[in-house]
Amino acid sequence: MSQDNLLVLRCSECSEKNYYTYKNKKKLGQFKLEMNKHCSRCGKHTVHKEGKMKK
């Protein structure tokens, strides 16, 4: 996998960077990824949204 497809998932409540993942840009390029994940800072399951990677 190339670094171009790497993205970060941020907690929607506290904006903590918790997860790194890949996305198929051919199929899901125009959509923002949202997942329900556990946030270690909040201590509960929250919606994590796709954020920008700093290069």
PDB file of N, CA and C in Angstrom:
ATOM      1  N   MET A   1       0.838  -1.186   0.000  1.00  0.00           N
ATOM      2  CA  MET A   1       0.000   0.000   0.000  1.00  0.00           C
ATOM      3  C   MET A   1       0.881   1.246   0.000  1.00  0.00           C
ATOM      4  N   SER A   2       0.440   2.222  -0.732  1.00  0.00           N
ATOM      5  CA  SER A   2       1.197   3.460  -0.774  1.00  0.00           C
ATOM      6  C   SER A   2       0.716   4.414   0.312  1.00  0.00           C
ATOM      7  N   GLN A   3       1.492   5.400   0.579  1.00  0.00           N
ATOM      8  CA  GLN A   3       1.140   6.391   1.591  1.00  0.00           C
ATOM      9  C   GLN A   3       0.037   7.327   1.113  1.00  0.00           C
ATOM     10  N   ASP A   4      -0.281   7.313  -0.197  1.00  0.00           N
ATOM     11  CA  ASP A   4      -1.324   8.177  -0.729  1.00  0.00           C
ATOM     12  C   ASP A   4      -2.697   7.800  -0.186  1.00  0.00           C
ATOM     13  N   ASN A   5      -2.925   6.522   0.060  1.00  0.00           N
ATOM     14  CA  ASN A   5      -4.219   6.059   0.511  1.00  0.00           C
ATOM     15  C   ASN A   5      -4.366   6.082   2.032  1.00  0.00           C
ATOM     16  N   LEU A   6      -3.308   6.378   2.761  1.00  0.00           N
ATOM     17  CA  LEU A   6      -3.352   6.389   4.213  1.00  0.00           C
ATOM     18  C   LEU A   6      -4.132   7.600   4.704  1.00  0.00           C
ATOM     19  N   LEU A   7      -5.031   7.378   5.667  1.00  0.00           N
ATOM     20  CA  LEU A   7      -5.773   8.484   6.259  1.00  0.00           C
ATOM     21  C   LEU A   7      -5.930   8.272   7.746  1.00  0.00           C
ATOM     22  N   VAL A   8      -6.298   9.324   8.439  1.00  0.00           N
ATOM     23  CA  VAL A   8      -6.427   9.297   9.891  1.00  0.00           C
ATOM     24  C   VAL A   8      -7.902   9.424  10.250  1.00  0.00           C
ATOM     25  N   LEU A   9      -8.310   8.723  11.320  1.00  0.00           N
ATOM     26  CA  LEU A   9      -9.672   8.844  11.833  1.00  0.00           C
ATOM     27  C   LEU A   9      -9.613   9.625  13.139  1.00  0.00           C
ATOM     28  N   ARG A  10     -10.405  10.690  13.216  1.00  0.00           N
ATOM     29  CA  ARG A  10     -10.439  11.548  14.393  1.00  0.00           C
ATOM     30  C   ARG A  10     -11.780  11.429  15.097  1.00  0.00           C
ATOM     31  N   CYS A  11     -11.755  11.491  16.409  1.00  0.00           N
ATOM     32  CA  CYS A  11     -12.975  11.457  17.212  1.00  0.00           C
ATOM     33  C   CYS A  11     -13.771  12.734  16.946  1.00  0.00           C
ATOM     34  N   SER A  12     -15.079  12.594  16.759  1.00  0.00           N
ATOM     35  CA  SER A  12     -15.907  13.763  16.463  1.00  0.00           C
ATOM     36  C   SER A  12     -16.175  14.616  17.704  1.00  0.00           C
ATOM     37  N   GLU A  13     -15.970  14.068  18.886  1.00  0.00           N
ATOM     38  CA  GLU A  13     -16.232  14.827  20.114  1.00  0.00           C
ATOM     39  C   GLU A  13     -15.000  15.561  20.638  1.00  0.00           C
ATOM     40  N   CYS A  14     -13.850  14.871  20.669  1.00  0.00           N
ATOM     41  CA  CYS A  14     -12.652  15.494  21.256  1.00  0.00           C
ATOM     42  C   CYS A  14     -11.547  15.775  20.234  1.00  0.00           C
ATOM     43  N   SER A  15     -11.713  15.372  18.979  1.00  0.00           N
ATOM     44  CA  SER A  15     -10.751  15.600  17.879  1.00  0.00           C
ATOM     45  C   SER A  15      -9.413  14.895  18.082  1.00  0.00           C
ATOM     46  N   GLU A  16      -9.391  13.844  18.881  1.00  0.00           N
ATOM     47  CA  GLU A  16      -8.177  13.053  19.104  1.00  0.00           C
ATOM     48  C   GLU A  16      -7.933  12.134  17.910  1.00  0.00           C
ATOM     49  N   LYS A  17      -6.678  12.071  17.428  1.00  0.00           N
ATOM     50  CA  LYS A  17      -6.314  11.125  16.369  1.00  0.00           C
ATOM     51  C   LYS A  17      -6.130   9.758  17.005  1.00  0.00           C
ATOM     52  N   ASN A  18      -6.993   8.799  16.659  1.00  0.00           N
ATOM     53  CA  ASN A  18      -6.933   7.496  17.300  1.00  0.00           C
ATOM     54  C   ASN A  18      -6.575   6.367  16.355  1.00  0.00           C
ATOM     55  N   TYR A  19      -6.993   6.428  15.108  1.00  0.00           N
ATOM     56  CA  TYR A  19      -6.839   5.310  14.194  1.00  0.00           C
ATOM     57  C   TYR A  19      -6.287   5.773  12.854  1.00  0.00           C
ATOM     58  N   TYR A  20      -5.485   4.895  12.232  1.00  0.00           N
ATOM     59  CA  TYR A  20      -4.979   5.098  10.882  1.00  0.00           C
ATOM     60  C   TYR A  20      -5.486   3.945  10.034  1.00  0.00           C
ATOM     61  N   THR A  21      -5.915   4.226   8.821  1.00  0.00           N
ATOM     62  CA  THR A  21      -6.460   3.193   7.960  1.00  0.00           C
ATOM     63  C   THR A  21      -6.239   3.584   6.502  1.00  0.00           C
ATOM     64  N   TYR A  22      -6.628   2.693   5.603  1.00  0.00           N
ATOM     65  CA  TYR A  22      -6.525   2.922   4.169  1.00  0.00           C
ATOM     66  C   TYR A  22      -7.916   2.986   3.563  1.00  0.00           C
ATOM     67  N   LYS A  23      -8.039   3.651   2.405  1.00  0.00           N
ATOM     68  CA  LYS A  23      -9.305   3.752   1.708  1.00  0.00           C
ATOM     69  C   LYS A  23      -9.071   3.544   0.219  1.00  0.00           C
ATOM     70  N   ASN A  24      -9.956   2.786  -0.416  1.00  0.00           N
ATOM     71  CA  ASN A  24      -9.898   2.604  -1.857  1.00  0.00           C
ATOM     72  C   ASN A  24     -10.441   3.870  -2.515  1.00  0.00           C
ATOM     73  N   LYS A  25      -9.571   4.668  -3.100  1.00  0.00           N
ATOM     74  CA  LYS A  25      -9.987   5.954  -3.659  1.00  0.00           C
ATOM     75  C   LYS A  25     -10.760   5.828  -4.963  1.00  0.00           C
ATOM     76  N   LYS A  26     -10.655   4.674  -5.633  1.00  0.00           N
ATOM     77  CA  LYS A  26     -11.426   4.484  -6.860  1.00  0.00           C
ATOM     78  C   LYS A  26     -12.902   4.308  -6.544  1.00  0.00           C
ATOM     79  N   LYS A  27     -13.209   3.597  -5.463  1.00  0.00           N
ATOM     80  CA  LYS A  27     -14.600   3.337  -5.103  1.00  0.00           C
ATOM     81  C   LYS A  27     -15.179   4.394  -4.163  1.00  0.00           C
ATOM     82  N   LEU A  28     -14.387   4.861  -3.209  1.00  0.00           N
ATOM     83  CA  LEU A  28     -14.891   5.748  -2.163  1.00  0.00           C
ATOM     84  C   LEU A  28     -14.215   7.112  -2.167  1.00  0.00           C
ATOM     85  N   GLY A  29     -13.704   7.542  -3.290  1.00  0.00           N
ATOM     86  CA  GLY A  29     -12.930   8.779  -3.353  1.00  0.00           C
ATOM     87  C   GLY A  29     -13.697  10.019  -2.968  1.00  0.00           C
ATOM     88  N   GLN A  30     -14.961  10.119  -3.338  1.00  0.00           N
ATOM     89  CA  GLN A  30     -15.712  11.339  -3.081  1.00  0.00           C
ATOM     90  C   GLN A  30     -16.419  11.335  -1.733  1.00  0.00           C
ATOM     91  N   PHE A  31     -16.414  10.210  -1.019  1.00  0.00           N
ATOM     92  CA  PHE A  31     -17.108  10.102   0.260  1.00  0.00           C
ATOM     93  C   PHE A  31     -16.127  10.181   1.419  1.00  0.00           C
ATOM     94  N   LYS A  32     -16.543  10.865   2.506  1.00  0.00           N
ATOM     95  CA  LYS A  32     -15.756  10.899   3.734  1.00  0.00           C
ATOM     96  C   LYS A  32     -16.083   9.658   4.549  1.00  0.00           C
ATOM     97  N   LEU A  33     -15.068   9.017   5.072  1.00  0.00           N
ATOM     98  CA  LEU A  33     -15.232   7.798   5.835  1.00  0.00           C
ATOM     99  C   LEU A  33     -15.661   8.130   7.266  1.00  0.00           C
ATOM    100  N   GLU A  34     -16.670   7.429   7.785  1.00  0.00           N
ATOM    101  CA  GLU A  34     -17.126   7.575   9.163  1.00  0.00           C
ATOM    102  C   GLU A  34     -17.297   6.188   9.768  1.00  0.00           C
ATOM    103  N   MET A  35     -16.739   5.985  10.950  1.00  0.00           N
ATOM    104  CA  MET A  35     -16.840   4.700  11.633  1.00  0.00           C
ATOM    105  C   MET A  35     -17.137   4.938  13.105  1.00  0.00           C
ATOM    106  N   ASN A  36     -17.847   4.005  13.720  1.00  0.00           N
ATOM    107  CA  ASN A  36     -18.099   4.052  15.148  1.00  0.00           C
ATOM    108  C   ASN A  36     -16.989   3.264  15.841  1.00  0.00           C
ATOM    109  N   LYS A  37     -16.077   3.978  16.520  1.00  0.00           N
ATOM    110  CA  LYS A  37     -14.909   3.371  17.139  1.00  0.00           C
ATOM    111  C   LYS A  37     -14.803   3.818  18.591  1.00  0.00           C
ATOM    112  N   HIS A  38     -13.944   3.119  19.358  1.00  0.00           N
ATOM    113  CA  HIS A  38     -13.714   3.469  20.755  1.00  0.00           C
ATOM    114  C   HIS A  38     -12.650   4.554  20.846  1.00  0.00           C
ATOM    115  N   CYS A  39     -12.944   5.589  21.599  1.00  0.00           N
ATOM    116  CA  CYS A  39     -11.986   6.677  21.831  1.00  0.00           C
ATOM    117  C   CYS A  39     -11.387   6.496  23.217  1.00  0.00           C
ATOM    118  N   SER A  40     -10.079   6.410  23.296  1.00  0.00           N
ATOM    119  CA  SER A  40      -9.413   6.200  24.582  1.00  0.00           C
ATOM    120  C   SER A  40      -9.469   7.453  25.452  1.00  0.00           C
ATOM    121  N   ARG A  41      -9.554   8.610  24.847  1.00  0.00           N
ATOM    122  CA  ARG A  41      -9.612   9.856  25.612  1.00  0.00           C
ATOM    123  C   ARG A  41     -10.999  10.070  26.231  1.00  0.00           C
ATOM    124  N   CYS A  42     -12.065   9.834  25.436  1.00  0.00           N
ATOM    125  CA  CYS A  42     -13.445   9.987  25.926  1.00  0.00           C
ATOM    126  C   CYS A  42     -13.866   8.794  26.776  1.00  0.00           C
ATOM    127  N   GLY A  43     -13.319   7.611  26.470  1.00  0.00           N
ATOM    128  CA  GLY A  43     -13.663   6.405  27.204  1.00  0.00           C
ATOM    129  C   GLY A  43     -14.979   5.782  26.782  1.00  0.00           C
ATOM    130  N   LYS A  44     -15.420   6.081  25.548  1.00  0.00           N
ATOM    131  CA  LYS A  44     -16.669   5.511  25.049  1.00  0.00           C
ATOM    132  C   LYS A  44     -16.602   5.399  23.535  1.00  0.00           C
ATOM    133  N   HIS A  45     -17.598   4.741  22.956  1.00  0.00           N
ATOM    134  CA  HIS A  45     -17.675   4.611  21.510  1.00  0.00           C
ATOM    135  C   HIS A  45     -18.279   5.880  20.916  1.00  0.00           C
ATOM    136  N   THR A  46     -17.575   6.470  19.956  1.00  0.00           N
ATOM    137  CA  THR A  46     -18.029   7.688  19.293  1.00  0.00           C
ATOM    138  C   THR A  46     -17.815   7.543  17.793  1.00  0.00           C
ATOM    139  N   VAL A  47     -18.382   8.455  17.041  1.00  0.00           N
ATOM    140  CA  VAL A  47     -18.187   8.478  15.593  1.00  0.00           C
ATOM    141  C   VAL A  47     -16.815   9.067  15.312  1.00  0.00           C
ATOM    142  N   HIS A  48     -16.032   8.359  14.509  1.00  0.00           N
ATOM    143  CA  HIS A  48     -14.720   8.835  14.077  1.00  0.00           C
ATOM    144  C   HIS A  48     -14.809   9.165  12.591  1.00  0.00           C
ATOM    145  N   LYS A  49     -14.376  10.370  12.234  1.00  0.00           N
ATOM    146  CA  LYS A  49     -14.461  10.842  10.857  1.00  0.00           C
ATOM    147  C   LYS A  49     -13.070  10.963  10.253  1.00  0.00           C
ATOM    148  N   GLU A  50     -13.037  10.863   8.935  1.00  0.00           N
ATOM    149  CA  GLU A  50     -11.798  10.979   8.185  1.00  0.00           C
ATOM    150  C   GLU A  50     -11.238  12.391   8.311  1.00  0.00           C
ATOM    151  N   GLY A  51      -9.955  12.473   8.633  1.00  0.00           N
ATOM    152  CA  GLY A  51      -9.273  13.751   8.740  1.00  0.00           C
ATOM    153  C   GLY A  51      -8.099  13.808   7.794  1.00  0.00           C
ATOM    154  N   LYS A  52      -7.416  14.927   7.762  1.00  0.00           N
ATOM    155  CA  LYS A  52      -6.280  15.100   6.878  1.00  0.00           C
ATOM    156  C   LYS A  52      -4.992  14.665   7.556  1.00  0.00           C
ATOM    157  N   MET A  53      -4.115  14.061   6.769  1.00  0.00           N
ATOM    158  CA  MET A  53      -2.783  13.684   7.238  1.00  0.00           C
ATOM    159  C   MET A  53      -1.840  14.859   7.002  1.00  0.00           C
ATOM    160  N   LYS A  54      -0.993  15.167   7.973  1.00  0.00           N
ATOM    161  CA  LYS A  54       0.041  16.179   7.779  1.00  0.00           C
ATOM    162  C   LYS A  54       1.245  15.514   7.179  1.00  0.00           C
ATOM    163  N   LYS A  55       1.783  16.093   6.122  1.00  0.00           N
ATOM    164  CA  LYS A  55       2.938  15.510   5.432  1.00  0.00           C
ATOM    165  C   LYS A  55       4.210  16.159   5.854  1.00  0.00           C
TER     166      LYS A  55
END
